[in-house]
Each structure stands twice: as C-alpha cells, then as structure tokens.
Protein backbone atom coordinates (compact mmCIF):
# COMPACT_ATOMS: atom_id res chain seq x y z
CA UNK A 1 190.24 53.92 155.99
CA UNK A 2 193.65 55.36 155.72
CA UNK A 3 196.10 57.07 153.17
CA UNK A 4 199.66 57.58 153.14
CA UNK A 5 201.42 60.35 151.15
CA UNK A 6 204.70 60.29 150.30
CA UNK A 7 206.45 63.06 149.17
CA UNK A 8 204.60 66.99 148.83
CA UNK A 9 205.51 69.85 150.18
CA UNK A 10 206.24 69.95 153.97
CA UNK A 11 204.01 73.47 154.53
CA UNK A 12 201.46 71.72 152.73
CA UNK A 13 201.34 68.76 155.15
CA UNK A 14 198.56 70.25 157.35
CA UNK A 15 196.54 70.97 154.10
CA UNK A 16 196.97 67.47 152.94
CA UNK A 17 195.49 66.04 156.00
CA UNK A 18 192.58 67.77 155.55
CA UNK A 19 191.95 67.22 152.23
CA UNK A 20 192.11 63.44 152.86
CA UNK A 21 189.85 64.01 155.97
CA UNK A 22 187.02 65.48 153.51
CA UNK A 23 187.21 62.40 151.74
CA UNK A 24 186.98 60.08 155.18
CA UNK A 25 190.68 59.19 154.83
CA UNK A 26 192.66 59.36 158.08
CA UNK A 27 196.43 60.55 156.24
CA UNK A 28 200.25 59.98 157.18
CA UNK A 29 202.37 62.52 155.54
CA UNK A 30 206.08 61.35 154.68
CA UNK A 31 207.32 64.76 153.00
CA UNK A 32 211.36 63.84 153.61
CA UNK A 33 212.99 60.60 155.06
CA UNK A 34 213.41 61.28 158.31
CA UNK A 35 214.57 57.43 160.15
CA UNK A 36 212.97 53.89 158.39
CA UNK A 37 209.80 55.26 156.89
CA UNK A 38 208.71 51.56 156.18
CA UNK A 39 208.70 50.87 159.96
CA UNK A 40 205.87 54.01 159.94
CA UNK A 41 204.20 53.16 157.24
CA UNK A 42 201.89 50.57 158.88
CA UNK A 43 199.36 48.98 156.09
CA UNK A 44 196.98 51.87 154.93
CA UNK A 45 194.20 51.53 152.37
CA UNK A 46 196.46 53.81 150.08
CA UNK A 47 199.45 54.90 149.34
CA UNK A 48 200.16 58.19 147.45
CA UNK A 49 203.58 59.07 146.14
CA UNK A 50 204.07 62.56 144.74
CA UNK A 51 206.62 61.70 142.42
CA UNK A 52 207.91 65.17 141.26
CA UNK A 53 209.14 66.19 144.86
CA UNK A 54 210.24 62.69 146.70
CA UNK A 55 213.80 61.19 146.15
CA UNK A 56 213.96 58.12 144.40
CA UNK A 57 215.18 56.29 147.78
CA UNK A 58 211.88 57.04 149.22
CA UNK A 59 210.07 55.75 146.41
CA UNK A 60 211.67 52.73 146.43
CA UNK A 61 211.58 51.95 149.97
CA UNK A 62 207.71 52.89 149.99
CA UNK A 63 207.22 50.39 146.79
CA UNK A 64 208.55 48.22 148.23
CA UNK A 65 206.54 48.18 151.64
CA UNK A 66 203.37 48.96 149.73
CA UNK A 67 203.79 45.33 147.62
CA UNK A 68 204.86 43.50 150.20
CA UNK A 69 201.36 44.49 152.44
CA UNK A 70 199.66 44.55 149.29
CA UNK A 71 198.87 48.42 149.42
CA UNK A 72 197.73 49.83 145.97
CA UNK A 73 199.80 52.75 144.96
CA UNK A 74 198.76 56.07 143.25
CA UNK A 75 201.40 57.95 141.74
CA UNK A 76 200.90 61.63 141.24
CA UNK A 77 203.44 64.06 139.25
CA UNK A 78 201.99 67.51 140.81
CA UNK A 79 202.28 67.50 144.85
CA UNK A 80 199.30 70.22 144.65
CA UNK A 81 196.42 70.41 147.11
CA UNK A 82 194.12 70.53 144.00
CA UNK A 83 196.04 67.05 142.52
CA UNK A 84 195.99 65.23 145.61
CA UNK A 85 191.36 66.09 145.61
CA UNK A 86 191.08 65.27 142.18
CA UNK A 87 193.21 62.35 142.92
CA UNK A 88 190.86 61.02 145.77
CA UNK A 89 187.78 62.16 144.23
CA UNK A 90 188.25 60.01 141.31
CA UNK A 91 189.44 57.01 143.82
CA UNK A 92 185.88 58.09 145.52
CA UNK A 93 183.82 57.90 141.93
CA UNK A 94 185.56 54.20 141.23
CA UNK A 95 184.65 52.94 144.51
CA UNK A 96 180.95 54.07 143.75
CA UNK A 97 181.32 52.59 140.50
CA UNK A 98 179.98 55.89 138.82
C-alpha cells in the first residue's frame, strides 16, 4: 500500500515516512513543489493533503491527478506527526470495520 503526502514541514519528511511505515504504507512526501508533481505522484492508495502548509497550486495539481486516477484524498489542516498518525489510525479502523 502506498500513500502520497502533499504539504507539511521539510524537517518532518522522515518522521512522516516512519509513521506511514508503522501503518504499513510506503510514503512519498512532497513538502514543496519541485517540478511537475503530477508526473511524480504515480497511483497511490491514498493522498493526504496538509492544507495549512501547502500552496493552492500544489493542491489543485495534486487534486486533479488524484481525480484522474480515482485516488481517495484525505485533508488534514494540521501537519503534525500526531495528526498524521490519527488520520492513518482512523483509515485503518475503517478498513477493518471497527
């Protein structure tokens, strides 16, 4: 399973990857736009947008790419490690049906 994280803090990239790994996801993290993101996204199982720390341009291009590939999008206002953990925990509970 894979997840793409759009936004967040640069210094937290490794922590985001480790949190995703603990929930069984392989993560790609894009904290800032460097080239065409839509070419780098691929087709993940989930896209997470940290809305507080991302540009509108990145949100638009990522959202368009997600819609093309039928990728579910989860928005989170905070870009903290706890917020990411809670979001992935809720997704895991929903998948199990608890």
